[in-house]
Structure formats: C-alpha cells, structure tokens
Amino acid sequence: MRALIIEDNENNMELITFILEKNGYQTIKAITGRQGVELALQERPDFILLDIQLPDIMGTEVLKMIRESEIEFSIPIIAVTSYAMSGDREKLLAAGCDGYIEKPIDPMLFMGQIKMVIGDST
C-alpha cells in the first residue's frame, strides 16, 4: 500500500515515514498543500495523511480540493494535526476527513489508528 504524507515539519515527516515504511508501506512525500494535491491526483495513493497547518494553503483547503477533484471520496484522508481544540475533530470529519490523529504522534498507537481508518487488518 502507498501513503501520501502531506507534512511540512521535517521531524514529523521523518517519524511518520519511518513508522509507515517499517510496517511495509511505501511513502510519497509532499511538504506543501499544493504539492500534496498534485501528488494525490498524479499518484493515486491508497490513503493520505494530511497536516492541517501547512505553509502555503491550509490543510482544510487541500482536503476540499481533493474531495472536489475526480478522486472525490475514493481515497481515505486522515488528518494528522496538533489542532486539538474542542470540536476540531468533528469539524474535520464533517469536512471530509476519514480519520483524525492528534500530534504529538504516539508511535505505539499510530499504525493501529491508521489501519482502523483504512480497513487494513494485517
């Protein structure tokens, strides 16, 4: 399975990539929202991990652009964010995210959280 990681923080990108690759997933990386949208359309990954605070456009805009493209809802998108205010999870899920993982990432729980959303039982 291939994952597109849209994340501008180098440490978070390294950690997420390491965990996914250690678990047998291939990774595609984008450090800006626009690059993430482009790669989502070109590469058609199996799922997308989306940071909400990006340097160029907000992750919510990236989400909207992907959901309004020909991809629509065919690829699960999981928000990975430090946005942890009351109601943020619900807002992101209502906006089209399939899952929500809070930062800081807990490496012991991370893969389980992803597999639950994408339906991978391996």
N, C-alpha and C. Protein backbone atom coordinates (compact mmCIF):
# COMPACT_ATOMS: atom_id res chain seq x y z
N MET A 1 0.84 -1.19 0.00
CA MET A 1 0.00 0.00 0.00
C MET A 1 0.88 1.25 0.00
N ARG A 2 0.37 2.28 -0.64
CA ARG A 2 1.13 3.54 -0.72
C ARG A 2 0.40 4.64 0.03
N ALA A 3 1.17 5.40 0.80
CA ALA A 3 0.63 6.51 1.56
C ALA A 3 1.24 7.81 1.07
N LEU A 4 0.40 8.82 0.89
CA LEU A 4 0.88 10.17 0.61
C LEU A 4 0.88 10.92 1.93
N ILE A 5 2.05 11.44 2.31
CA ILE A 5 2.18 12.21 3.55
C ILE A 5 2.32 13.68 3.16
N ILE A 6 1.38 14.50 3.60
CA ILE A 6 1.45 15.94 3.34
C ILE A 6 1.76 16.60 4.69
N GLU A 7 3.01 16.96 4.87
CA GLU A 7 3.51 17.42 6.17
C GLU A 7 4.71 18.34 5.96
N ASP A 8 4.69 19.54 6.54
CA ASP A 8 5.79 20.47 6.34
C ASP A 8 6.87 20.40 7.42
N ASN A 9 6.57 19.78 8.55
CA ASN A 9 7.56 19.68 9.63
C ASN A 9 8.48 18.48 9.37
N GLU A 10 9.77 18.77 9.26
CA GLU A 10 10.75 17.73 8.90
C GLU A 10 10.77 16.57 9.90
N ASN A 11 10.71 16.88 11.20
CA ASN A 11 10.74 15.83 12.22
C ASN A 11 9.50 14.94 12.14
N ASN A 12 8.34 15.56 11.97
CA ASN A 12 7.10 14.77 11.84
C ASN A 12 7.13 13.91 10.58
N MET A 13 7.63 14.48 9.47
CA MET A 13 7.72 13.74 8.22
C MET A 13 8.62 12.52 8.39
N GLU A 14 9.77 12.72 9.06
CA GLU A 14 10.70 11.62 9.29
C GLU A 14 10.07 10.52 10.13
N LEU A 15 9.40 10.91 11.20
CA LEU A 15 8.78 9.95 12.11
C LEU A 15 7.67 9.17 11.41
N ILE A 16 6.79 9.87 10.71
CA ILE A 16 5.68 9.22 10.01
C ILE A 16 6.21 8.27 8.93
N THR A 17 7.18 8.75 8.15
CA THR A 17 7.78 7.92 7.09
C THR A 17 8.40 6.66 7.69
N PHE A 18 9.16 6.84 8.77
CA PHE A 18 9.82 5.71 9.42
C PHE A 18 8.80 4.66 9.87
N ILE A 19 7.76 5.10 10.55
CA ILE A 19 6.74 4.17 11.06
C ILE A 19 6.05 3.43 9.91
N LEU A 20 5.65 4.17 8.88
CA LEU A 20 4.95 3.54 7.75
C LEU A 20 5.85 2.54 7.02
N GLU A 21 7.08 2.96 6.71
CA GLU A 21 7.99 2.08 5.96
C GLU A 21 8.38 0.85 6.77
N LYS A 22 8.53 1.02 8.09
CA LYS A 22 8.84 -0.11 8.97
C LYS A 22 7.70 -1.14 8.95
N ASN A 23 6.49 -0.65 8.67
CA ASN A 23 5.32 -1.52 8.62
C ASN A 23 4.96 -1.96 7.19
N GLY A 24 5.90 -1.74 6.26
CA GLY A 24 5.74 -2.27 4.91
C GLY A 24 4.98 -1.39 3.93
N TYR A 25 4.74 -0.15 4.29
CA TYR A 25 4.04 0.77 3.38
C TYR A 25 5.06 1.57 2.58
N GLN A 26 4.69 1.90 1.34
CA GLN A 26 5.51 2.82 0.54
C GLN A 26 5.03 4.23 0.85
N THR A 27 5.94 5.20 0.76
CA THR A 27 5.55 6.57 1.07
C THR A 27 5.85 7.52 -0.08
N ILE A 28 4.98 8.49 -0.23
CA ILE A 28 5.14 9.59 -1.17
C ILE A 28 5.06 10.83 -0.29
N LYS A 29 5.95 11.81 -0.50
CA LYS A 29 6.02 12.94 0.41
C LYS A 29 5.75 14.27 -0.27
N ALA A 30 4.99 15.12 0.41
CA ALA A 30 4.74 16.49 -0.04
C ALA A 30 4.92 17.41 1.16
N ILE A 31 5.60 18.54 0.95
CA ILE A 31 5.82 19.45 2.07
C ILE A 31 4.94 20.71 1.99
N THR A 32 4.17 20.83 0.90
CA THR A 32 3.21 21.94 0.80
C THR A 32 1.85 21.37 0.41
N GLY A 33 0.83 22.15 0.64
CA GLY A 33 -0.51 21.72 0.29
C GLY A 33 -0.70 21.55 -1.21
N ARG A 34 -0.20 22.49 -1.98
CA ARG A 34 -0.37 22.42 -3.45
C ARG A 34 0.35 21.19 -4.01
N GLN A 35 1.56 20.93 -3.51
CA GLN A 35 2.30 19.74 -3.95
C GLN A 35 1.51 18.48 -3.56
N GLY A 36 0.89 18.51 -2.39
CA GLY A 36 0.10 17.37 -1.94
C GLY A 36 -1.08 17.09 -2.85
N VAL A 37 -1.78 18.14 -3.26
CA VAL A 37 -2.93 17.97 -4.17
C VAL A 37 -2.44 17.39 -5.49
N GLU A 38 -1.35 17.95 -6.04
CA GLU A 38 -0.78 17.45 -7.30
C GLU A 38 -0.43 15.97 -7.21
N LEU A 39 0.27 15.60 -6.14
CA LEU A 39 0.69 14.21 -5.98
C LEU A 39 -0.50 13.28 -5.76
N ALA A 40 -1.51 13.75 -5.07
CA ALA A 40 -2.71 12.93 -4.86
C ALA A 40 -3.35 12.61 -6.20
N LEU A 41 -3.44 13.61 -7.08
CA LEU A 41 -4.06 13.42 -8.40
C LEU A 41 -3.19 12.56 -9.32
N GLN A 42 -1.87 12.76 -9.27
CA GLN A 42 -0.94 12.02 -10.14
C GLN A 42 -0.75 10.58 -9.67
N GLU A 43 -0.51 10.41 -8.39
CA GLU A 43 -0.08 9.12 -7.86
C GLU A 43 -1.20 8.19 -7.38
N ARG A 44 -2.34 8.76 -7.06
CA ARG A 44 -3.49 7.99 -6.55
C ARG A 44 -3.06 7.02 -5.43
N PRO A 45 -2.58 7.56 -4.30
CA PRO A 45 -2.14 6.70 -3.21
C PRO A 45 -3.32 5.94 -2.60
N ASP A 46 -3.03 4.96 -1.76
CA ASP A 46 -4.09 4.19 -1.10
C ASP A 46 -4.74 4.98 0.03
N PHE A 47 -3.95 5.88 0.64
CA PHE A 47 -4.50 6.79 1.65
C PHE A 47 -3.58 7.99 1.80
N ILE A 48 -4.12 9.05 2.42
CA ILE A 48 -3.39 10.31 2.57
C ILE A 48 -3.37 10.70 4.04
N LEU A 49 -2.18 11.08 4.53
CA LEU A 49 -2.04 11.64 5.87
C LEU A 49 -1.82 13.14 5.68
N LEU A 50 -2.72 13.94 6.21
CA LEU A 50 -2.76 15.37 5.91
C LEU A 50 -2.58 16.23 7.15
N ASP A 51 -1.49 17.00 7.17
CA ASP A 51 -1.30 18.00 8.22
C ASP A 51 -2.27 19.14 7.90
N ILE A 52 -2.80 19.79 8.92
CA ILE A 52 -3.76 20.88 8.68
C ILE A 52 -3.07 22.23 8.58
N GLN A 53 -1.97 22.42 9.31
CA GLN A 53 -1.24 23.68 9.23
C GLN A 53 -0.07 23.53 8.27
N LEU A 54 -0.26 24.03 7.05
CA LEU A 54 0.78 23.93 6.02
C LEU A 54 1.24 25.34 5.65
N PRO A 55 2.44 25.47 5.05
CA PRO A 55 3.00 26.79 4.79
C PRO A 55 2.29 27.59 3.69
N ASP A 56 1.70 26.91 2.71
CA ASP A 56 1.11 27.66 1.59
C ASP A 56 -0.40 27.80 1.70
N ILE A 57 -1.10 26.69 1.83
CA ILE A 57 -2.55 26.73 1.99
C ILE A 57 -2.93 25.79 3.14
N MET A 58 -4.01 26.10 3.79
CA MET A 58 -4.44 25.28 4.93
C MET A 58 -4.80 23.86 4.46
N GLY A 59 -4.59 22.91 5.35
CA GLY A 59 -4.94 21.52 5.06
C GLY A 59 -6.42 21.35 4.75
N THR A 60 -7.25 22.20 5.35
CA THR A 60 -8.69 22.13 5.06
C THR A 60 -8.96 22.46 3.59
N GLU A 61 -8.17 23.37 3.02
CA GLU A 61 -8.30 23.72 1.61
C GLU A 61 -7.80 22.56 0.73
N VAL A 62 -6.71 21.92 1.14
CA VAL A 62 -6.19 20.74 0.43
C VAL A 62 -7.28 19.66 0.41
N LEU A 63 -7.88 19.43 1.56
CA LEU A 63 -8.95 18.45 1.69
C LEU A 63 -10.08 18.76 0.71
N LYS A 64 -10.50 20.01 0.70
CA LYS A 64 -11.59 20.44 -0.18
C LYS A 64 -11.22 20.24 -1.66
N MET A 65 -9.99 20.61 -2.03
CA MET A 65 -9.55 20.48 -3.42
C MET A 65 -9.54 19.01 -3.86
N ILE A 66 -9.08 18.11 -2.98
CA ILE A 66 -9.04 16.69 -3.33
C ILE A 66 -10.46 16.13 -3.41
N ARG A 67 -11.29 16.49 -2.45
CA ARG A 67 -12.66 15.97 -2.42
C ARG A 67 -13.49 16.49 -3.60
N GLU A 68 -13.13 17.65 -4.14
CA GLU A 68 -13.85 18.21 -5.29
C GLU A 68 -13.23 17.79 -6.63
N SER A 69 -12.13 17.04 -6.60
CA SER A 69 -11.48 16.56 -7.83
C SER A 69 -12.14 15.25 -8.25
N GLU A 70 -11.60 14.66 -9.31
CA GLU A 70 -12.15 13.37 -9.76
C GLU A 70 -11.92 12.25 -8.75
N ILE A 71 -10.99 12.46 -7.82
CA ILE A 71 -10.73 11.47 -6.78
C ILE A 71 -11.92 11.40 -5.82
N GLU A 72 -12.50 12.55 -5.54
CA GLU A 72 -13.63 12.70 -4.61
C GLU A 72 -13.37 11.99 -3.29
N PHE A 73 -14.14 10.93 -3.02
CA PHE A 73 -14.03 10.22 -1.75
C PHE A 73 -13.42 8.83 -1.90
N SER A 74 -12.72 8.59 -3.02
CA SER A 74 -12.17 7.25 -3.27
C SER A 74 -10.91 6.95 -2.46
N ILE A 75 -10.26 7.98 -1.93
CA ILE A 75 -9.02 7.79 -1.16
C ILE A 75 -9.26 8.29 0.26
N PRO A 76 -9.05 7.43 1.26
CA PRO A 76 -9.20 7.89 2.65
C PRO A 76 -8.17 8.96 2.99
N ILE A 77 -8.63 10.01 3.65
CA ILE A 77 -7.75 11.09 4.09
C ILE A 77 -7.84 11.17 5.61
N ILE A 78 -6.67 11.09 6.25
CA ILE A 78 -6.59 11.15 7.70
C ILE A 78 -5.87 12.44 8.10
N ALA A 79 -6.56 13.28 8.87
CA ALA A 79 -5.93 14.49 9.38
C ALA A 79 -4.95 14.09 10.49
N VAL A 80 -3.74 14.62 10.40
CA VAL A 80 -2.74 14.39 11.45
C VAL A 80 -2.36 15.79 11.91
N THR A 81 -2.87 16.18 13.08
CA THR A 81 -2.78 17.59 13.43
C THR A 81 -2.62 17.85 14.92
N SER A 82 -2.06 19.00 15.21
CA SER A 82 -1.97 19.44 16.60
C SER A 82 -3.21 20.26 16.97
N TYR A 83 -4.10 20.45 16.00
CA TYR A 83 -5.39 21.10 16.29
C TYR A 83 -6.14 20.18 17.23
N ALA A 84 -6.22 20.54 18.47
CA ALA A 84 -6.89 19.64 19.40
C ALA A 84 -7.91 20.40 20.25
N MET A 85 -8.46 21.45 19.68
CA MET A 85 -9.49 22.20 20.38
C MET A 85 -10.79 21.40 20.34
N SER A 86 -11.63 21.68 21.29
CA SER A 86 -12.92 21.00 21.34
C SER A 86 -13.67 21.26 20.04
N GLY A 87 -14.13 20.20 19.40
CA GLY A 87 -14.89 20.34 18.16
C GLY A 87 -14.07 20.26 16.89
N ASP A 88 -12.74 20.38 16.98
CA ASP A 88 -11.90 20.33 15.77
C ASP A 88 -12.01 18.98 15.06
N ARG A 89 -11.97 17.90 15.84
CA ARG A 89 -12.08 16.57 15.26
C ARG A 89 -13.38 16.44 14.46
N GLU A 90 -14.47 16.85 15.06
CA GLU A 90 -15.79 16.76 14.42
C GLU A 90 -15.84 17.62 13.16
N LYS A 91 -15.25 18.83 13.22
CA LYS A 91 -15.25 19.72 12.06
C LYS A 91 -14.50 19.09 10.89
N LEU A 92 -13.32 18.51 11.19
CA LEU A 92 -12.51 17.90 10.13
C LEU A 92 -13.19 16.66 9.54
N LEU A 93 -13.82 15.86 10.39
CA LEU A 93 -14.53 14.69 9.89
C LEU A 93 -15.73 15.12 9.05
N ALA A 94 -16.43 16.16 9.49
CA ALA A 94 -17.58 16.67 8.73
C ALA A 94 -17.14 17.28 7.40
N ALA A 95 -15.91 17.82 7.35
CA ALA A 95 -15.39 18.45 6.13
C ALA A 95 -14.92 17.42 5.10
N GLY A 96 -14.82 16.13 5.50
CA GLY A 96 -14.44 15.11 4.53
C GLY A 96 -13.27 14.23 4.92
N CYS A 97 -12.69 14.44 6.10
CA CYS A 97 -11.63 13.54 6.56
C CYS A 97 -12.26 12.23 7.01
N ASP A 98 -11.53 11.14 6.79
CA ASP A 98 -12.00 9.82 7.20
C ASP A 98 -11.50 9.46 8.59
N GLY A 99 -10.47 10.16 9.05
CA GLY A 99 -9.91 9.89 10.36
C GLY A 99 -9.18 11.11 10.87
N TYR A 100 -8.80 11.04 12.14
CA TYR A 100 -8.17 12.18 12.82
C TYR A 100 -7.17 11.63 13.82
N ILE A 101 -5.91 12.02 13.69
CA ILE A 101 -4.87 11.60 14.62
C ILE A 101 -4.22 12.85 15.19
N GLU A 102 -4.18 12.93 16.52
CA GLU A 102 -3.59 14.09 17.17
C GLU A 102 -2.08 14.00 17.25
N LYS A 103 -1.42 15.16 17.10
CA LYS A 103 0.01 15.27 17.37
C LYS A 103 0.15 15.71 18.81
N PRO A 104 1.21 15.39 19.51
CA PRO A 104 2.32 14.58 19.00
C PRO A 104 1.89 13.13 18.76
N ILE A 105 2.45 12.55 17.72
CA ILE A 105 2.14 11.18 17.32
C ILE A 105 2.65 10.21 18.37
N ASP A 106 1.82 9.26 18.72
CA ASP A 106 2.25 8.18 19.61
C ASP A 106 2.64 7.00 18.71
N PRO A 107 3.95 6.74 18.54
CA PRO A 107 4.39 5.69 17.62
C PRO A 107 3.77 4.31 17.91
N MET A 108 3.44 4.05 19.18
CA MET A 108 2.87 2.75 19.53
C MET A 108 1.42 2.61 19.06
N LEU A 109 0.71 3.71 18.95
CA LEU A 109 -0.71 3.68 18.56
C LEU A 109 -0.94 4.04 17.09
N PHE A 110 0.05 4.71 16.48
CA PHE A 110 -0.11 5.31 15.16
C PHE A 110 -0.61 4.33 14.09
N MET A 111 0.06 3.19 13.94
CA MET A 111 -0.34 2.24 12.88
C MET A 111 -1.74 1.68 13.13
N GLY A 112 -2.05 1.42 14.38
CA GLY A 112 -3.39 0.94 14.70
C GLY A 112 -4.45 1.95 14.33
N GLN A 113 -4.17 3.23 14.58
CA GLN A 113 -5.12 4.29 14.24
C GLN A 113 -5.32 4.35 12.72
N ILE A 114 -4.23 4.24 11.97
CA ILE A 114 -4.33 4.29 10.51
C ILE A 114 -5.08 3.07 9.98
N LYS A 115 -4.69 1.90 10.44
CA LYS A 115 -5.32 0.64 9.94
C LYS A 115 -6.82 0.62 10.22
N MET A 116 -7.23 1.21 11.34
CA MET A 116 -8.64 1.25 11.65
C MET A 116 -9.40 2.06 10.60
N VAL A 117 -8.81 3.18 10.17
CA VAL A 117 -9.47 4.05 9.19
C VAL A 117 -9.46 3.43 7.80
N ILE A 118 -8.32 2.86 7.38
CA ILE A 118 -8.22 2.35 6.00
C ILE A 118 -8.70 0.91 5.87
N GLY A 119 -9.02 0.28 6.99
CA GLY A 119 -9.54 -1.09 6.92
C GLY A 119 -8.49 -2.14 6.62
N ASP A 120 -7.24 -1.86 7.00
CA ASP A 120 -6.15 -2.83 6.78
C ASP A 120 -6.03 -3.71 8.02
N SER A 121 -6.30 -4.99 7.86
CA SER A 121 -6.29 -5.87 9.02
C SER A 121 -5.00 -6.67 9.19
N THR A 122 -3.95 -6.30 8.41
CA THR A 122 -2.68 -7.03 8.54
C THR A 122 -1.91 -6.63 9.76
